[in-house]
Amino acid sequence: MLRRYGVLRTRAAVRALVVELLASVADMATSRDTAALRGRVAGWRYARRLPRHPFPPDDAIDWELTPLRTLALRRDVQSGRAVSS
């Protein structure tokens, strides 16, 4: 999404990079592998060949989702608990 929608060319670039970094590190710590990071890199490379899209519609982005909430949701999914919004 970062490359396909040009997120890193917007004012949201720093926040997007921080959130992606935190999510990757948290996933490496909990799953003890680098699958999430490898997936992000693969997606970045793949999107290079694709045309850029306009910024995603507002309903595709949860603007209230904070890094802490993301970690809590990730923990719930990994523990098998139901995830509620």
PDB file of N, CA and C in Angstrom:
ATOM      1  N   MET A   1       0.817  -1.196   0.000  1.00  0.00           N
ATOM      2  CA  MET A   1       0.000   0.000   0.000  1.00  0.00           C
ATOM      3  C   MET A   1       0.854   1.251   0.000  1.00  0.00           C
ATOM      4  N   LEU A   2       1.973   1.231   0.716  1.00  0.00           N
ATOM      5  CA  LEU A   2       2.790   2.439   0.798  1.00  0.00           C
ATOM      6  C   LEU A   2       3.244   2.904  -0.579  1.00  0.00           C
ATOM      7  N   ARG A   3       3.684   1.978  -1.407  1.00  0.00           N
ATOM      8  CA  ARG A   3       4.166   2.353  -2.738  1.00  0.00           C
ATOM      9  C   ARG A   3       3.008   2.551  -3.708  1.00  0.00           C
ATOM     10  N   ARG A   4       2.062   1.659  -3.697  1.00  0.00           N
ATOM     11  CA  ARG A   4       0.971   1.703  -4.673  1.00  0.00           C
ATOM     12  C   ARG A   4       0.145   2.973  -4.549  1.00  0.00           C
ATOM     13  N   TYR A   5      -0.033   3.452  -3.337  1.00  0.00           N
ATOM     14  CA  TYR A   5      -0.828   4.649  -3.120  1.00  0.00           C
ATOM     15  C   TYR A   5       0.030   5.897  -2.885  1.00  0.00           C
ATOM     16  N   GLY A   6       1.344   5.777  -2.960  1.00  0.00           N
ATOM     17  CA  GLY A   6       2.220   6.935  -2.805  1.00  0.00           C
ATOM     18  C   GLY A   6       2.190   7.533  -1.410  1.00  0.00           C
ATOM     19  N   VAL A   7       1.962   6.705  -0.403  1.00  0.00           N
ATOM     20  CA  VAL A   7       1.838   7.199   0.973  1.00  0.00           C
ATOM     21  C   VAL A   7       3.114   7.912   1.424  1.00  0.00           C
ATOM     22  N   LEU A   8       4.263   7.429   0.992  1.00  0.00           N
ATOM     23  CA  LEU A   8       5.517   8.029   1.441  1.00  0.00           C
ATOM     24  C   LEU A   8       5.787   9.392   0.803  1.00  0.00           C
ATOM     25  N   ARG A   9       4.917   9.818  -0.078  1.00  0.00           N
ATOM     26  CA  ARG A   9       5.023  11.164  -0.673  1.00  0.00           C
ATOM     27  C   ARG A   9       4.024  12.131  -0.059  1.00  0.00           C
ATOM     28  N   THR A  10       3.436  11.731   1.045  1.00  0.00           N
ATOM     29  CA  THR A  10       2.432  12.568   1.703  1.00  0.00           C
ATOM     30  C   THR A  10       2.936  12.984   3.080  1.00  0.00           C
ATOM     31  N   ARG A  11       2.142  13.796   3.738  1.00  0.00           N
ATOM     32  CA  ARG A  11       2.525  14.223   5.094  1.00  0.00           C
ATOM     33  C   ARG A  11       2.381  13.090   6.104  1.00  0.00           C
ATOM     34  N   ALA A  12       1.776  11.989   5.688  1.00  0.00           N
ATOM     35  CA  ALA A  12       1.615  10.822   6.565  1.00  0.00           C
ATOM     36  C   ALA A  12       2.809   9.876   6.493  1.00  0.00           C
ATOM     37  N   ALA A  13       3.837  10.231   5.741  1.00  0.00           N
ATOM     38  CA  ALA A  13       4.970   9.328   5.500  1.00  0.00           C
ATOM     39  C   ALA A  13       5.672   8.908   6.790  1.00  0.00           C
ATOM     40  N   VAL A  14       5.990   9.850   7.636  1.00  0.00           N
ATOM     41  CA  VAL A  14       6.729   9.527   8.860  1.00  0.00           C
ATOM     42  C   VAL A  14       5.899   8.598   9.744  1.00  0.00           C
ATOM     43  N   ARG A  15       4.630   8.922   9.916  1.00  0.00           N
ATOM     44  CA  ARG A  15       3.769   8.080  10.755  1.00  0.00           C
ATOM     45  C   ARG A  15       3.652   6.681  10.155  1.00  0.00           C
ATOM     46  N   ALA A  16       3.478   6.596   8.842  1.00  0.00           N
ATOM     47  CA  ALA A  16       3.352   5.296   8.190  1.00  0.00           C
ATOM     48  C   ALA A  16       4.611   4.457   8.397  1.00  0.00           C
ATOM     49  N   LEU A  17       5.768   5.067   8.250  1.00  0.00           N
ATOM     50  CA  LEU A  17       7.020   4.338   8.440  1.00  0.00           C
ATOM     51  C   LEU A  17       7.199   3.875   9.879  1.00  0.00           C
ATOM     52  N   VAL A  18       6.850   4.728  10.836  1.00  0.00           N
ATOM     53  CA  VAL A  18       6.967   4.360  12.249  1.00  0.00           C
ATOM     54  C   VAL A  18       6.031   3.203  12.574  1.00  0.00           C
ATOM     55  N   VAL A  19       4.795   3.284  12.092  1.00  0.00           N
ATOM     56  CA  VAL A  19       3.822   2.221  12.363  1.00  0.00           C
ATOM     57  C   VAL A  19       4.279   0.912  11.725  1.00  0.00           C
ATOM     58  N   GLU A  20       4.771   0.965  10.491  1.00  0.00           N
ATOM     59  CA  GLU A  20       5.251  -0.249   9.826  1.00  0.00           C
ATOM     60  C   GLU A  20       6.457  -0.834  10.559  1.00  0.00           C
ATOM     61  N   LEU A  21       7.340   0.015  11.010  1.00  0.00           N
ATOM     62  CA  LEU A  21       8.505  -0.451  11.761  1.00  0.00           C
ATOM     63  C   LEU A  21       8.080  -1.117  13.064  1.00  0.00           C
ATOM     64  N   LEU A  22       7.193  -0.464  13.803  1.00  0.00           N
ATOM     65  CA  LEU A  22       6.709  -1.030  15.068  1.00  0.00           C
ATOM     66  C   LEU A  22       5.986  -2.357  14.837  1.00  0.00           C
ATOM     67  N   ALA A  23       5.150  -2.409  13.809  1.00  0.00           N
ATOM     68  CA  ALA A  23       4.418  -3.648  13.528  1.00  0.00           C
ATOM     69  C   ALA A  23       5.376  -4.774  13.160  1.00  0.00           C
ATOM     70  N   SER A  24       6.391  -4.456  12.368  1.00  0.00           N
ATOM     71  CA  SER A  24       7.363  -5.487  11.964  1.00  0.00           C
ATOM     72  C   SER A  24       8.166  -5.987  13.160  1.00  0.00           C
ATOM     73  N   VAL A  25       8.622  -5.070  13.998  1.00  0.00           N
ATOM     74  CA  VAL A  25       9.402  -5.459  15.177  1.00  0.00           C
ATOM     75  C   VAL A  25       8.535  -6.267  16.145  1.00  0.00           C
ATOM     76  N   ALA A  26       7.298  -5.824  16.356  1.00  0.00           N
ATOM     77  CA  ALA A  26       6.394  -6.547  17.259  1.00  0.00           C
ATOM     78  C   ALA A  26       6.120  -7.949  16.726  1.00  0.00           C
ATOM     79  N   ASP A  27       5.932  -8.057  15.423  1.00  0.00           N
ATOM     80  CA  ASP A  27       5.672  -9.373  14.857  1.00  0.00           C
ATOM     81  C   ASP A  27       6.894 -10.274  14.976  1.00  0.00           C
ATOM     82  N   MET A  28       8.082  -9.714  14.750  1.00  0.00           N
ATOM     83  CA  MET A  28       9.302 -10.515  14.901  1.00  0.00           C
ATOM     84  C   MET A  28       9.467 -10.990  16.341  1.00  0.00           C
ATOM     85  N   ALA A  29       9.103 -10.132  17.290  1.00  0.00           N
ATOM     86  CA  ALA A  29       9.255 -10.491  18.701  1.00  0.00           C
ATOM     87  C   ALA A  29       8.254 -11.566  19.109  1.00  0.00           C
ATOM     88  N   THR A  30       7.027 -11.490  18.592  1.00  0.00           N
ATOM     89  CA  THR A  30       6.004 -12.448  19.016  1.00  0.00           C
ATOM     90  C   THR A  30       6.057 -13.753  18.237  1.00  0.00           C
ATOM     91  N   SER A  31       6.338 -13.674  16.934  1.00  0.00           N
ATOM     92  CA  SER A  31       6.334 -14.905  16.136  1.00  0.00           C
ATOM     93  C   SER A  31       7.731 -15.493  15.944  1.00  0.00           C
ATOM     94  N   ARG A  32       8.734 -14.724  16.323  1.00  0.00           N
ATOM     95  CA  ARG A  32      10.133 -15.154  16.217  1.00  0.00           C
ATOM     96  C   ARG A  32      10.533 -15.537  14.797  1.00  0.00           C
ATOM     97  N   ASP A  33       9.978 -14.781  13.837  1.00  0.00           N
ATOM     98  CA  ASP A  33      10.418 -14.936  12.456  1.00  0.00           C
ATOM     99  C   ASP A  33      10.299 -13.578  11.756  1.00  0.00           C
ATOM    100  N   THR A  34      10.764 -13.531  10.544  1.00  0.00           N
ATOM    101  CA  THR A  34      10.762 -12.263   9.810  1.00  0.00           C
ATOM    102  C   THR A  34       9.746 -12.267   8.671  1.00  0.00           C
ATOM    103  N   ALA A  35       8.726 -13.112   8.771  1.00  0.00           N
ATOM    104  CA  ALA A  35       7.742 -13.241   7.697  1.00  0.00           C
ATOM    105  C   ALA A  35       7.041 -11.911   7.402  1.00  0.00           C
ATOM    106  N   ALA A  36       6.650 -11.174   8.428  1.00  0.00           N
ATOM    107  CA  ALA A  36       5.952  -9.912   8.208  1.00  0.00           C
ATOM    108  C   ALA A  36       6.853  -8.907   7.493  1.00  0.00           C
ATOM    109  N   LEU A  37       8.091  -8.838   7.907  1.00  0.00           N
ATOM    110  CA  LEU A  37       9.035  -7.923   7.265  1.00  0.00           C
ATOM    111  C   LEU A  37       9.296  -8.354   5.822  1.00  0.00           C
ATOM    112  N   ARG A  38       9.489  -9.634   5.608  1.00  0.00           N
ATOM    113  CA  ARG A  38       9.718 -10.130   4.248  1.00  0.00           C
ATOM    114  C   ARG A  38       8.508  -9.864   3.361  1.00  0.00           C
ATOM    115  N   GLY A  39       7.321  -9.997   3.912  1.00  0.00           N
ATOM    116  CA  GLY A  39       6.101  -9.714   3.163  1.00  0.00           C
ATOM    117  C   GLY A  39       5.987  -8.254   2.779  1.00  0.00           C
ATOM    118  N   ARG A  40       6.353  -7.380   3.686  1.00  0.00           N
ATOM    119  CA  ARG A  40       6.319  -5.951   3.383  1.00  0.00           C
ATOM    120  C   ARG A  40       7.318  -5.605   2.275  1.00  0.00           C
ATOM    121  N   VAL A  41       8.505  -6.160   2.352  1.00  0.00           N
ATOM    122  CA  VAL A  41       9.529  -5.904   1.328  1.00  0.00           C
ATOM    123  C   VAL A  41       9.062  -6.469  -0.014  1.00  0.00           C
ATOM    124  N   ALA A  42       8.497  -7.658  -0.016  1.00  0.00           N
ATOM    125  CA  ALA A  42       8.010  -8.261  -1.260  1.00  0.00           C
ATOM    126  C   ALA A  42       6.890  -7.413  -1.870  1.00  0.00           C
ATOM    127  N   GLY A  43       5.986  -6.919  -1.033  1.00  0.00           N
ATOM    128  CA  GLY A  43       4.911  -6.056  -1.514  1.00  0.00           C
ATOM    129  C   GLY A  43       5.444  -4.763  -2.102  1.00  0.00           C
ATOM    130  N   TRP A  44       6.449  -4.189  -1.461  1.00  0.00           N
ATOM    131  CA  TRP A  44       7.078  -2.962  -1.952  1.00  0.00           C
ATOM    132  C   TRP A  44       7.690  -3.200  -3.337  1.00  0.00           C
ATOM    133  N   ARG A  45       8.392  -4.303  -3.467  1.00  0.00           N
ATOM    134  CA  ARG A  45       9.031  -4.616  -4.753  1.00  0.00           C
ATOM    135  C   ARG A  45       7.996  -4.895  -5.840  1.00  0.00           C
ATOM    136  N   TYR A  46       6.976  -5.648  -5.506  1.00  0.00           N
ATOM    137  CA  TYR A  46       5.948  -5.997  -6.482  1.00  0.00           C
ATOM    138  C   TYR A  46       5.214  -4.758  -6.983  1.00  0.00           C
ATOM    139  N   ALA A  47       4.924  -3.823  -6.088  1.00  0.00           N
ATOM    140  CA  ALA A  47       4.169  -2.621  -6.452  1.00  0.00           C
ATOM    141  C   ALA A  47       4.948  -1.712  -7.395  1.00  0.00           C
ATOM    142  N   ARG A  48       6.240  -1.901  -7.500  1.00  0.00           N
ATOM    143  CA  ARG A  48       7.055  -1.086  -8.409  1.00  0.00           C
ATOM    144  C   ARG A  48       6.562  -1.239  -9.848  1.00  0.00           C
ATOM    145  N   ARG A  49       6.075  -2.423 -10.202  1.00  0.00           N
ATOM    146  CA  ARG A  49       5.635  -2.699 -11.570  1.00  0.00           C
ATOM    147  C   ARG A  49       4.205  -2.246 -11.845  1.00  0.00           C
ATOM    148  N   LEU A  50       3.488  -1.869 -10.832  1.00  0.00           N
ATOM    149  CA  LEU A  50       2.074  -1.547 -10.972  1.00  0.00           C
ATOM    150  C   LEU A  50       1.847  -0.038 -11.045  1.00  0.00           C
ATOM    151  N   PRO A  51       0.772   0.377 -11.702  1.00  0.00           N
ATOM    152  CA  PRO A  51       0.472   1.811 -11.748  1.00  0.00           C
ATOM    153  C   PRO A  51       0.072   2.323 -10.369  1.00  0.00           C
ATOM    154  N   ARG A  52       0.402   3.575 -10.100  1.00  0.00           N
ATOM    155  CA  ARG A  52       0.054   4.181  -8.816  1.00  0.00           C
ATOM    156  C   ARG A  52      -1.441   4.483  -8.790  1.00  0.00           C
ATOM    157  N   HIS A  53      -2.045   4.262  -7.652  1.00  0.00           N
ATOM    158  CA  HIS A  53      -3.455   4.574  -7.442  1.00  0.00           C
ATOM    159  C   HIS A  53      -3.575   5.900  -6.702  1.00  0.00           C
ATOM    160  N   PRO A  54      -4.727   6.550  -6.849  1.00  0.00           N
ATOM    161  CA  PRO A  54      -4.957   7.721  -5.989  1.00  0.00           C
ATOM    162  C   PRO A  54      -5.050   7.257  -4.545  1.00  0.00           C
ATOM    163  N   PHE A  55      -4.944   8.183  -3.613  1.00  0.00           N
ATOM    164  CA  PHE A  55      -4.986   7.833  -2.194  1.00  0.00           C
ATOM    165  C   PHE A  55      -6.220   6.998  -1.915  1.00  0.00           C
ATOM    166  N   PRO A  56      -6.112   5.979  -1.053  1.00  0.00           N
ATOM    167  CA  PRO A  56      -7.261   5.104  -0.783  1.00  0.00           C
ATOM    168  C   PRO A  56      -8.450   5.882  -0.232  1.00  0.00           C
ATOM    169  N   PRO A  57      -9.665   5.381  -0.484  1.00  0.00           N
ATOM    170  CA  PRO A  57     -10.846   6.059   0.055  1.00  0.00           C
ATOM    171  C   PRO A  57     -10.832   6.057   1.575  1.00  0.00           C
ATOM    172  N   ASP A  58     -11.480   7.047   2.157  1.00  0.00           N
ATOM    173  CA  ASP A  58     -11.494   7.180   3.619  1.00  0.00           C
ATOM    174  C   ASP A  58     -11.998   5.925   4.328  1.00  0.00           C
ATOM    175  N   ASP A  59     -12.971   5.225   3.736  1.00  0.00           N
ATOM    176  CA  ASP A  59     -13.511   4.058   4.431  1.00  0.00           C
ATOM    177  C   ASP A  59     -12.543   2.872   4.409  1.00  0.00           C
ATOM    178  N   ALA A  60     -11.434   2.988   3.699  1.00  0.00           N
ATOM    179  CA  ALA A  60     -10.423   1.922   3.681  1.00  0.00           C
ATOM    180  C   ALA A  60      -9.398   2.101   4.794  1.00  0.00           C
ATOM    181  N   ILE A  61      -9.455   3.234   5.477  1.00  0.00           N
ATOM    182  CA  ILE A  61      -8.464   3.547   6.509  1.00  0.00           C
ATOM    183  C   ILE A  61      -9.170   3.788   7.832  1.00  0.00           C
ATOM    184  N   ASP A  62      -8.691   3.125   8.862  1.00  0.00           N
ATOM    185  CA  ASP A  62      -9.212   3.355  10.210  1.00  0.00           C
ATOM    186  C   ASP A  62      -8.320   4.406  10.857  1.00  0.00           C
ATOM    187  N   TRP A  63      -8.751   5.651  10.804  1.00  0.00           N
ATOM    188  CA  TRP A  63      -7.941   6.765  11.289  1.00  0.00           C
ATOM    189  C   TRP A  63      -7.779   6.747  12.801  1.00  0.00           C
ATOM    190  N   GLU A  64      -8.597   5.982  13.500  1.00  0.00           N
ATOM    191  CA  GLU A  64      -8.507   5.920  14.962  1.00  0.00           C
ATOM    192  C   GLU A  64      -7.666   4.744  15.446  1.00  0.00           C
ATOM    193  N   LEU A  65      -7.133   3.960  14.525  1.00  0.00           N
ATOM    194  CA  LEU A  65      -6.308   2.816  14.890  1.00  0.00           C
ATOM    195  C   LEU A  65      -4.906   3.299  15.253  1.00  0.00           C
ATOM    196  N   THR A  66      -4.584   3.192  16.519  1.00  0.00           N
ATOM    197  CA  THR A  66      -3.281   3.644  17.000  1.00  0.00           C
ATOM    198  C   THR A  66      -2.301   2.469  17.028  1.00  0.00           C
ATOM    199  N   PRO A  67      -1.011   2.756  17.103  1.00  0.00           N
ATOM    200  CA  PRO A  67      -0.052   1.651  17.213  1.00  0.00           C
ATOM    201  C   PRO A  67      -0.331   0.734  18.404  1.00  0.00           C
ATOM    202  N   LEU A  68      -0.745   1.288  19.539  1.00  0.00           N
ATOM    203  CA  LEU A  68      -1.046   0.451  20.708  1.00  0.00           C
ATOM    204  C   LEU A  68      -2.258  -0.440  20.463  1.00  0.00           C
ATOM    205  N   ARG A  69      -3.274   0.100  19.811  1.00  0.00           N
ATOM    206  CA  ARG A  69      -4.468  -0.691  19.493  1.00  0.00           C
ATOM    207  C   ARG A  69      -4.102  -1.800  18.501  1.00  0.00           C
ATOM    208  N   THR A  70      -3.228  -1.488  17.559  1.00  0.00           N
ATOM    209  CA  THR A  70      -2.775  -2.483  16.598  1.00  0.00           C
ATOM    210  C   THR A  70      -2.087  -3.638  17.307  1.00  0.00           C
ATOM    211  N   LEU A  71      -1.228  -3.328  18.268  1.00  0.00           N
ATOM    212  CA  LEU A  71      -0.542  -4.374  19.025  1.00  0.00           C
ATOM    213  C   LEU A  71      -1.533  -5.219  19.823  1.00  0.00           C
ATOM    214  N   ALA A  72      -2.539  -4.569  20.409  1.00  0.00           N
ATOM    215  CA  ALA A  72      -3.552  -5.299  21.170  1.00  0.00           C
ATOM    216  C   ALA A  72      -4.347  -6.235  20.258  1.00  0.00           C
ATOM    217  N   LEU A  73      -4.720  -5.766  19.085  1.00  0.00           N
ATOM    218  CA  LEU A  73      -5.442  -6.609  18.131  1.00  0.00           C
ATOM    219  C   LEU A  73      -4.581  -7.782  17.690  1.00  0.00           C
ATOM    220  N   ARG A  74      -3.314  -7.516  17.443  1.00  0.00           N
ATOM    221  CA  ARG A  74      -2.381  -8.570  17.023  1.00  0.00           C
ATOM    222  C   ARG A  74      -2.260  -9.635  18.127  1.00  0.00           C
ATOM    223  N   ARG A  75      -2.172  -9.177  19.381  1.00  0.00           N
ATOM    224  CA  ARG A  75      -2.080 -10.104  20.511  1.00  0.00           C
ATOM    225  C   ARG A  75      -3.345 -10.946  20.613  1.00  0.00           C
ATOM    226  N   ASP A  76      -4.513 -10.316  20.420  1.00  0.00           N
ATOM    227  CA  ASP A  76      -5.778 -11.036  20.493  1.00  0.00           C
ATOM    228  C   ASP A  76      -5.877 -12.109  19.409  1.00  0.00           C
ATOM    229  N   VAL A  77      -5.466 -11.782  18.202  1.00  0.00           N
ATOM    230  CA  VAL A  77      -5.515 -12.732  17.097  1.00  0.00           C
ATOM    231  C   VAL A  77      -4.584 -13.899  17.368  1.00  0.00           C
ATOM    232  N   GLN A  78      -3.390 -13.612  17.836  1.00  0.00           N
ATOM    233  CA  GLN A  78      -2.414 -14.673  18.085  1.00  0.00           C
ATOM    234  C   GLN A  78      -2.827 -15.571  19.240  1.00  0.00           C
ATOM    235  N   SER A  79      -3.577 -15.039  20.191  1.00  0.00           N
ATOM    236  CA  SER A  79      -4.014 -15.856  21.317  1.00  0.00           C
ATOM    237  C   SER A  79      -5.307 -16.596  21.035  1.00  0.00           C
ATOM    238  N   GLY A  80      -5.917 -16.299  19.876  1.00  0.00           N
ATOM    239  CA  GLY A  80      -7.170 -16.970  19.519  1.00  0.00           C
ATOM    240  C   GLY A  80      -8.412 -16.295  20.042  1.00  0.00           C
ATOM    241  N   ARG A  81      -8.248 -15.137  20.667  1.00  0.00           N
ATOM    242  CA  ARG A  81      -9.424 -14.403  21.168  1.00  0.00           C
ATOM    243  C   ARG A  81     -10.160 -13.732  20.020  1.00  0.00           C
ATOM    244  N   ALA A  82     -11.436 -13.521  20.197  1.00  0.00           N
ATOM    245  CA  ALA A  82     -12.230 -12.837  19.178  1.00  0.00           C
ATOM    246  C   ALA A  82     -11.789 -11.388  19.113  1.00  0.00           C
ATOM    247  N   VAL A  83     -11.760 -10.860  17.918  1.00  0.00           N
ATOM    248  CA  VAL A  83     -11.370  -9.468  17.714  1.00  0.00           C
ATOM    249  C   VAL A  83     -12.622  -8.656  17.479  1.00  0.00           C
ATOM    250  N   SER A  84     -12.780  -7.596  18.265  1.00  0.00           N
ATOM    251  CA  SER A  84     -13.933  -6.704  18.083  1.00  0.00           C
ATOM    252  C   SER A  84     -13.419  -5.334  17.709  1.00  0.00           C
ATOM    253  N   SER A  85     -14.241  -4.610  16.982  1.00  0.00           N
ATOM    254  CA  SER A  85     -13.810  -3.263  16.564  1.00  0.00           C
ATOM    255  C   SER A  85     -14.326  -2.191  17.466  1.00  0.00           C
TER     256      SER A  85
END
